[in-house]
N, C-alpha and C. Protein backbone atom coordinates (compact mmCIF):
# COMPACT_ATOMS: atom_id res chain seq x y z
N MET A 1 -141.95 157.76 152.94
CA MET A 1 -140.97 158.79 153.27
C MET A 1 -139.64 158.03 153.14
N CYS A 2 -138.82 158.61 152.07
CA CYS A 2 -137.63 158.51 151.93
C CYS A 2 -136.79 159.20 152.99
N THR A 3 -135.79 158.19 152.98
CA THR A 3 -134.75 158.68 154.39
C THR A 3 -133.42 158.99 153.53
N LEU A 4 -132.55 159.54 154.16
CA LEU A 4 -131.15 159.94 153.72
C LEU A 4 -130.36 158.65 153.26
N ALA A 5 -130.61 157.61 154.51
CA ALA A 5 -130.05 156.35 154.27
C ALA A 5 -130.41 155.60 152.94
N THR A 6 -131.88 155.54 152.70
CA THR A 6 -132.40 154.89 151.69
C THR A 6 -132.08 155.67 150.09
N LEU A 7 -131.70 156.76 150.37
CA LEU A 7 -131.64 157.30 148.87
C LEU A 7 -129.89 157.14 148.69
N SER A 8 -129.17 157.27 149.49
CA SER A 8 -127.55 156.86 149.44
C SER A 8 -128.00 155.22 149.02
N ALA A 9 -128.64 154.36 149.64
CA ALA A 9 -128.47 153.24 149.13
C ALA A 9 -128.63 153.15 147.57
N LEU A 10 -129.97 153.94 147.04
CA LEU A 10 -130.20 153.65 145.87
C LEU A 10 -129.13 154.17 144.95
N ALA A 11 -128.77 155.27 145.43
CA ALA A 11 -127.31 155.98 144.63
C ALA A 11 -126.19 154.84 144.73
N LEU A 12 -125.86 154.26 145.66
CA LEU A 12 -124.76 153.12 145.41
C LEU A 12 -125.32 152.11 144.43
N LEU A 13 -126.28 151.62 144.50
CA LEU A 13 -126.90 150.43 143.62
C LEU A 13 -126.64 151.09 142.34
N ALA A 14 -127.31 152.24 142.00
CA ALA A 14 -127.11 152.96 140.62
C ALA A 14 -125.94 153.12 139.88
N SER A 15 -124.95 153.43 140.90
CA SER A 15 -123.54 153.59 140.29
C SER A 15 -123.01 151.92 139.83
N PHE A 16 -123.17 151.10 140.47
CA PHE A 16 -122.97 149.60 139.76
C PHE A 16 -123.64 149.25 138.76
N ALA A 17 -124.72 149.84 138.44
CA ALA A 17 -125.14 149.46 136.98
C ALA A 17 -124.37 149.22 135.95
N PRO A 18 -123.71 150.28 135.50
CA PRO A 18 -122.61 150.13 134.22
C PRO A 18 -121.74 149.19 134.05
N THR A 19 -120.95 149.46 135.42
CA THR A 19 -120.09 147.96 135.55
C THR A 19 -121.08 146.57 135.43
N LEU A 20 -121.89 146.36 136.08
CA LEU A 20 -122.76 144.94 136.04
C LEU A 20 -123.26 144.62 134.91
N ALA A 21 -123.66 145.88 133.94
CA ALA A 21 -123.94 145.61 132.53
C ALA A 21 -122.86 145.31 131.57
N ALA A 22 -122.11 145.73 131.72
CA ALA A 22 -120.65 145.96 130.91
C ALA A 22 -120.07 144.15 131.29
N GLU A 23 -120.12 143.64 132.65
CA GLU A 23 -119.64 142.37 132.97
C GLU A 23 -120.53 141.25 132.38
N GLU A 24 -121.96 141.59 132.11
CA GLU A 24 -122.90 140.75 131.53
C GLU A 24 -122.57 140.77 130.15
N GLN A 25 -122.20 142.04 129.26
CA GLN A 25 -122.03 141.68 128.07
C GLN A 25 -120.82 141.11 127.93
N GLY A 26 -119.55 141.08 128.69
CA GLY A 26 -118.61 140.07 128.57
C GLY A 26 -118.71 138.79 129.03
N ASP A 27 -119.92 138.36 129.65
CA ASP A 27 -119.87 137.15 129.76
C ASP A 27 -120.86 136.70 128.76
N ALA A 28 -121.48 137.41 128.16
CA ALA A 28 -122.76 137.08 127.09
C ALA A 28 -121.51 136.82 125.87
N GLY A 29 -120.81 137.69 125.70
CA GLY A 29 -119.62 137.65 124.29
C GLY A 29 -118.56 136.23 124.75
N GLN A 30 -118.45 136.06 125.83
CA GLN A 30 -117.61 135.05 125.95
C GLN A 30 -118.31 133.49 125.90
N VAL A 31 -119.51 133.84 126.19
CA VAL A 31 -120.72 132.30 125.89
C VAL A 31 -120.72 132.09 124.60
N SER A 32 -120.86 133.40 123.75
CA SER A 32 -120.87 133.11 122.05
C SER A 32 -119.68 132.61 121.59
N TYR A 33 -118.66 133.23 122.21
CA TYR A 33 -117.38 132.59 121.53
C TYR A 33 -117.02 131.37 121.86
N ASN A 34 -117.69 131.01 123.40
CA ASN A 34 -117.06 129.64 123.51
C ASN A 34 -118.20 128.82 122.58
N ASN A 35 -119.30 129.18 122.10
CA ASN A 35 -120.29 128.16 121.26
C ASN A 35 -119.92 128.19 120.05
N ALA A 36 -119.33 129.34 119.37
CA ALA A 36 -118.87 129.38 118.00
C ALA A 36 -117.43 129.10 117.89
N CYS A 37 -116.10 129.30 118.61
CA CYS A 37 -115.16 129.61 118.51
C CYS A 37 -113.88 128.55 119.22
N ARG A 38 -114.31 128.29 120.21
CA ARG A 38 -113.29 127.66 121.27
C ARG A 38 -112.95 126.62 120.96
N THR A 39 -113.83 125.54 120.41
CA THR A 39 -113.32 124.25 119.36
C THR A 39 -112.39 124.33 118.81
N CYS A 40 -111.96 125.32 118.12
CA CYS A 40 -110.46 125.15 117.36
C CYS A 40 -109.87 126.68 117.49
N HIS A 41 -110.13 127.24 118.12
CA HIS A 41 -109.28 128.80 118.72
C HIS A 41 -109.06 128.80 120.23
N SER A 42 -107.84 129.21 120.70
CA SER A 42 -107.84 129.74 121.82
C SER A 42 -107.75 131.36 121.83
N PHE A 43 -108.05 131.69 123.32
CA PHE A 43 -107.93 133.02 123.58
C PHE A 43 -106.76 133.70 124.18
N LYS A 44 -105.88 132.54 124.64
CA LYS A 44 -104.54 132.84 125.25
C LYS A 44 -103.45 132.87 124.38
N PRO A 45 -102.64 133.88 124.70
CA PRO A 45 -101.50 134.40 123.71
C PRO A 45 -100.63 133.09 123.58
N ASP A 46 -100.05 133.14 122.42
CA ASP A 46 -99.14 131.87 122.04
C ASP A 46 -99.73 130.41 122.19
N ASP A 47 -101.13 130.34 122.09
CA ASP A 47 -101.82 128.93 122.38
C ASP A 47 -102.38 128.67 121.40
N ASN A 48 -101.79 128.53 119.96
CA ASN A 48 -102.33 127.73 118.74
C ASN A 48 -102.69 126.54 118.97
N ARG A 49 -103.87 126.23 118.12
CA ARG A 49 -104.58 125.08 118.32
C ARG A 49 -105.11 124.46 116.79
N LEU A 50 -105.98 123.83 116.60
CA LEU A 50 -106.62 123.78 115.12
C LEU A 50 -106.57 125.03 114.20
N GLY A 51 -106.76 126.22 114.92
CA GLY A 51 -106.86 127.66 114.46
C GLY A 51 -106.09 128.06 115.46
N PRO A 52 -105.34 129.66 114.86
CA PRO A 52 -104.52 130.48 115.50
C PRO A 52 -105.32 130.93 116.96
N THR A 53 -104.43 131.25 117.70
CA THR A 53 -105.12 132.12 118.87
C THR A 53 -105.59 133.08 118.41
N LEU A 54 -106.80 133.65 118.80
CA LEU A 54 -107.44 135.12 118.84
C LEU A 54 -107.16 135.91 119.96
N HIS A 55 -106.54 135.78 120.97
CA HIS A 55 -105.74 136.47 121.34
C HIS A 55 -105.39 137.82 120.84
N GLY A 56 -105.54 139.04 120.72
CA GLY A 56 -104.92 140.27 120.16
C GLY A 56 -105.31 140.11 118.74
N ILE A 57 -106.45 139.73 118.33
CA ILE A 57 -106.92 139.45 116.90
C ILE A 57 -107.10 141.03 116.12
N VAL A 58 -107.88 142.08 117.04
CA VAL A 58 -108.21 143.11 116.44
C VAL A 58 -107.13 143.81 116.25
N GLY A 59 -106.88 144.28 115.13
CA GLY A 59 -105.63 145.26 114.66
C GLY A 59 -104.43 144.31 114.27
N ARG A 60 -104.66 143.14 114.17
CA ARG A 60 -103.76 142.51 113.46
C ARG A 60 -103.51 142.16 112.36
N LYS A 61 -103.01 141.67 111.23
CA LYS A 61 -102.83 141.56 109.98
C LYS A 61 -102.87 139.96 109.91
N ALA A 62 -103.88 139.60 108.90
CA ALA A 62 -104.30 138.25 108.84
C ALA A 62 -103.04 137.40 108.83
N GLY A 63 -102.99 136.15 108.70
CA GLY A 63 -102.08 135.42 108.69
C GLY A 63 -100.67 135.59 108.99
N SER A 64 -100.66 136.39 110.09
CA SER A 64 -99.32 136.97 110.40
C SER A 64 -98.78 136.04 112.02
N ILE A 65 -99.34 135.18 112.86
CA ILE A 65 -99.00 134.55 113.78
C ILE A 65 -97.84 133.44 113.55
N GLU A 66 -96.70 133.70 113.83
CA GLU A 66 -95.52 132.52 113.79
C GLU A 66 -95.91 131.66 114.17
N GLY A 67 -95.32 130.46 113.88
CA GLY A 67 -95.88 128.91 114.41
C GLY A 67 -97.38 128.81 113.84
N PHE A 68 -97.99 129.03 113.05
CA PHE A 68 -99.02 128.58 112.72
C PHE A 68 -98.99 128.38 111.34
N ALA A 69 -99.51 127.58 110.61
CA ALA A 69 -99.61 127.17 109.29
C ALA A 69 -100.76 127.64 108.48
N PHE A 70 -100.89 128.84 108.23
CA PHE A 70 -102.01 129.61 107.64
C PHE A 70 -102.15 129.04 106.21
N SER A 71 -103.46 129.36 105.74
CA SER A 71 -103.51 128.90 104.16
C SER A 71 -102.93 129.83 103.40
N PRO A 72 -102.09 129.95 102.28
CA PRO A 72 -101.74 130.83 101.41
C PRO A 72 -102.51 132.00 101.25
N SER A 73 -104.00 131.43 101.26
CA SER A 73 -104.72 132.78 100.61
C SER A 73 -104.88 133.38 101.87
N MET A 74 -105.05 132.99 103.20
CA MET A 74 -105.23 133.71 104.30
C MET A 74 -103.99 134.81 104.46
N LYS A 75 -102.79 134.03 104.37
CA LYS A 75 -101.39 135.24 103.98
C LYS A 75 -101.39 136.03 103.18
N ALA A 76 -102.11 135.77 101.91
CA ALA A 76 -101.86 136.95 100.98
C ALA A 76 -103.09 137.79 100.74
N SER A 77 -104.26 137.36 102.09
CA SER A 77 -105.53 138.35 101.77
C SER A 77 -105.30 139.99 102.16
N GLY A 78 -104.01 140.27 102.88
CA GLY A 78 -103.69 141.64 103.11
C GLY A 78 -104.61 141.96 104.26
N ILE A 79 -105.60 141.54 104.93
CA ILE A 79 -106.68 141.76 105.72
C ILE A 79 -106.09 142.35 106.97
N THR A 80 -106.41 143.20 107.64
CA THR A 80 -106.27 143.39 108.96
C THR A 80 -107.54 143.68 109.79
N TRP A 81 -107.47 142.71 110.71
CA TRP A 81 -108.76 142.16 111.72
C TRP A 81 -109.44 143.41 112.11
N ASP A 82 -110.50 144.03 112.15
CA ASP A 82 -111.14 144.97 112.36
C ASP A 82 -112.52 144.76 112.45
N GLU A 83 -113.32 145.58 113.14
CA GLU A 83 -114.58 144.78 113.74
C GLU A 83 -115.23 144.60 112.66
N ALA A 84 -115.74 145.33 111.80
CA ALA A 84 -116.48 144.94 110.26
C ALA A 84 -115.93 143.99 109.47
N THR A 85 -114.73 143.74 109.46
CA THR A 85 -113.98 142.53 108.70
C THR A 85 -114.32 141.26 109.64
N LEU A 86 -114.14 141.33 110.84
CA LEU A 86 -114.38 140.31 111.75
C LEU A 86 -115.91 139.66 111.51
N ASP A 87 -116.49 140.61 111.68
CA ASP A 87 -118.28 140.23 111.61
C ASP A 87 -118.10 139.49 110.33
N LYS A 88 -117.94 140.05 109.15
CA LYS A 88 -118.03 139.32 107.89
C LYS A 88 -117.40 137.80 107.87
N PHE A 89 -116.30 137.89 108.35
CA PHE A 89 -115.69 136.65 108.28
C PHE A 89 -116.43 135.55 109.21
N ILE A 90 -116.86 136.19 110.18
CA ILE A 90 -117.72 135.21 111.26
C ILE A 90 -118.92 134.71 110.72
N SER A 91 -119.35 135.48 109.90
CA SER A 91 -120.55 135.34 109.20
C SER A 91 -120.46 134.19 107.95
N ASP A 92 -119.48 134.43 107.46
CA ASP A 92 -119.13 133.60 106.21
C ASP A 92 -117.65 133.68 105.63
N PRO A 93 -116.73 132.81 106.22
CA PRO A 93 -115.28 132.81 106.33
C PRO A 93 -115.09 132.73 104.89
N ASN A 94 -115.75 132.01 104.00
CA ASN A 94 -115.22 131.81 102.54
C ASN A 94 -115.67 133.05 101.51
N ALA A 95 -116.63 133.74 102.09
CA ALA A 95 -117.14 134.99 101.16
C ALA A 95 -115.73 136.20 101.53
N VAL A 96 -115.12 135.87 102.31
CA VAL A 96 -114.17 136.82 102.92
C VAL A 96 -112.53 136.45 102.32
N VAL A 97 -112.19 135.04 102.77
CA VAL A 97 -111.18 134.62 102.21
C VAL A 97 -111.17 133.37 101.48
N SER A 98 -111.47 133.32 100.35
CA SER A 98 -111.69 132.01 99.77
C SER A 98 -110.41 130.80 99.78
N GLY A 99 -110.80 129.63 100.22
CA GLY A 99 -109.46 128.96 100.21
C GLY A 99 -108.94 128.88 101.65
N ASN A 100 -109.85 129.37 102.73
CA ASN A 100 -109.26 129.46 103.97
C ASN A 100 -109.53 127.87 104.70
N LYS A 101 -108.58 127.80 106.00
CA LYS A 101 -108.73 126.75 106.56
C LYS A 101 -109.97 126.02 107.80
N MET A 102 -110.94 127.08 107.32
CA MET A 102 -112.24 126.90 108.60
C MET A 102 -112.95 125.56 107.92
N GLN A 103 -113.01 125.02 107.22
CA GLN A 103 -113.90 124.01 107.09
C GLN A 103 -113.96 123.16 107.99
N PRO A 104 -115.14 122.60 108.48
CA PRO A 104 -116.27 122.79 108.02
C PRO A 104 -117.22 123.83 108.51
N TYR A 105 -116.67 125.09 109.07
CA TYR A 105 -117.11 125.70 110.04
C TYR A 105 -118.13 126.57 108.88
N GLY A 106 -119.21 126.66 109.35
CA GLY A 106 -120.22 127.15 108.47
C GLY A 106 -120.79 128.71 108.88
N GLY A 107 -120.09 129.50 110.03
CA GLY A 107 -120.29 130.63 110.21
C GLY A 107 -121.56 130.79 111.38
N VAL A 108 -121.87 131.90 111.56
CA VAL A 108 -122.65 132.34 112.45
C VAL A 108 -123.41 133.56 111.77
N ALA A 109 -124.91 133.33 111.54
CA ALA A 109 -125.76 133.94 110.65
C ALA A 109 -126.52 135.07 111.69
N ASP A 110 -126.35 134.93 113.07
CA ASP A 110 -126.99 135.91 113.62
C ASP A 110 -126.11 137.23 113.81
N ALA A 111 -126.72 138.31 113.40
CA ALA A 111 -125.97 139.36 113.78
C ALA A 111 -125.28 139.60 115.05
N GLY A 112 -126.52 139.75 115.91
CA GLY A 112 -126.54 139.71 117.42
C GLY A 112 -125.55 138.94 117.98
N GLU A 113 -125.28 137.67 117.77
CA GLU A 113 -124.62 136.83 118.25
C GLU A 113 -123.12 137.07 117.62
N ARG A 114 -123.14 137.41 116.63
CA ARG A 114 -121.83 137.89 116.09
C ARG A 114 -121.22 139.11 116.48
N LYS A 115 -121.98 140.10 116.93
CA LYS A 115 -121.55 141.33 117.76
C LYS A 115 -121.03 140.94 118.92
N LYS A 116 -121.41 140.20 119.72
CA LYS A 116 -121.38 139.72 120.89
C LYS A 116 -119.87 139.14 121.01
N ILE A 117 -119.72 138.30 119.90
CA ILE A 117 -118.07 137.58 119.94
C ILE A 117 -117.00 138.75 119.12
N VAL A 118 -117.37 139.67 118.65
CA VAL A 118 -116.46 140.70 117.75
C VAL A 118 -116.33 141.45 119.52
N ASP A 119 -117.10 142.01 120.03
CA ASP A 119 -116.87 142.79 121.18
C ASP A 119 -116.20 141.79 122.31
N TYR A 120 -116.08 140.65 122.67
CA TYR A 120 -115.60 139.83 123.09
C TYR A 120 -113.95 139.70 122.78
N LEU A 121 -113.99 139.51 121.61
CA LEU A 121 -112.60 139.42 120.93
C LEU A 121 -111.64 140.93 121.02
N LYS A 122 -112.51 141.95 121.13
CA LYS A 122 -111.92 143.30 121.46
C LYS A 122 -111.05 143.35 122.31
N THR A 123 -111.66 142.54 123.66
CA THR A 123 -111.10 142.60 125.04
C THR A 123 -109.82 141.72 125.41
N LEU A 124 -109.72 140.84 124.15
CA LEU A 124 -108.31 140.07 124.11
C LEU A 124 -107.19 140.69 123.92
N LYS A 125 -106.60 141.34 124.90
CA LYS A 125 -105.44 142.15 124.55
C LYS A 125 -104.02 141.64 125.41
């Protein structure tokens, strides 16, 4: 027999499910980012390392961060980073911008992992 207290508790737990799922996705994205990107890139503003910061990358013009020495090909690429371009670049940087400075990075072959990374990058604003 279901009581009002039991139903209320179930409703309360169900209301947290979307939040918990989003947090889990964010955590999974950060793990994927850490595995594929963190060695060279920071997610903090104004924190360029071997690679430029990836903070705010979605919607940003490629090669546009002051204080980072981008390759001439990256500066001239004309790319504005969106989800599709980031996915392609993370898969195979040389296929998107030949002559970039991402060597020896070989890319992320798994589409699911790339999606997690791109979804995580979208949160870095």
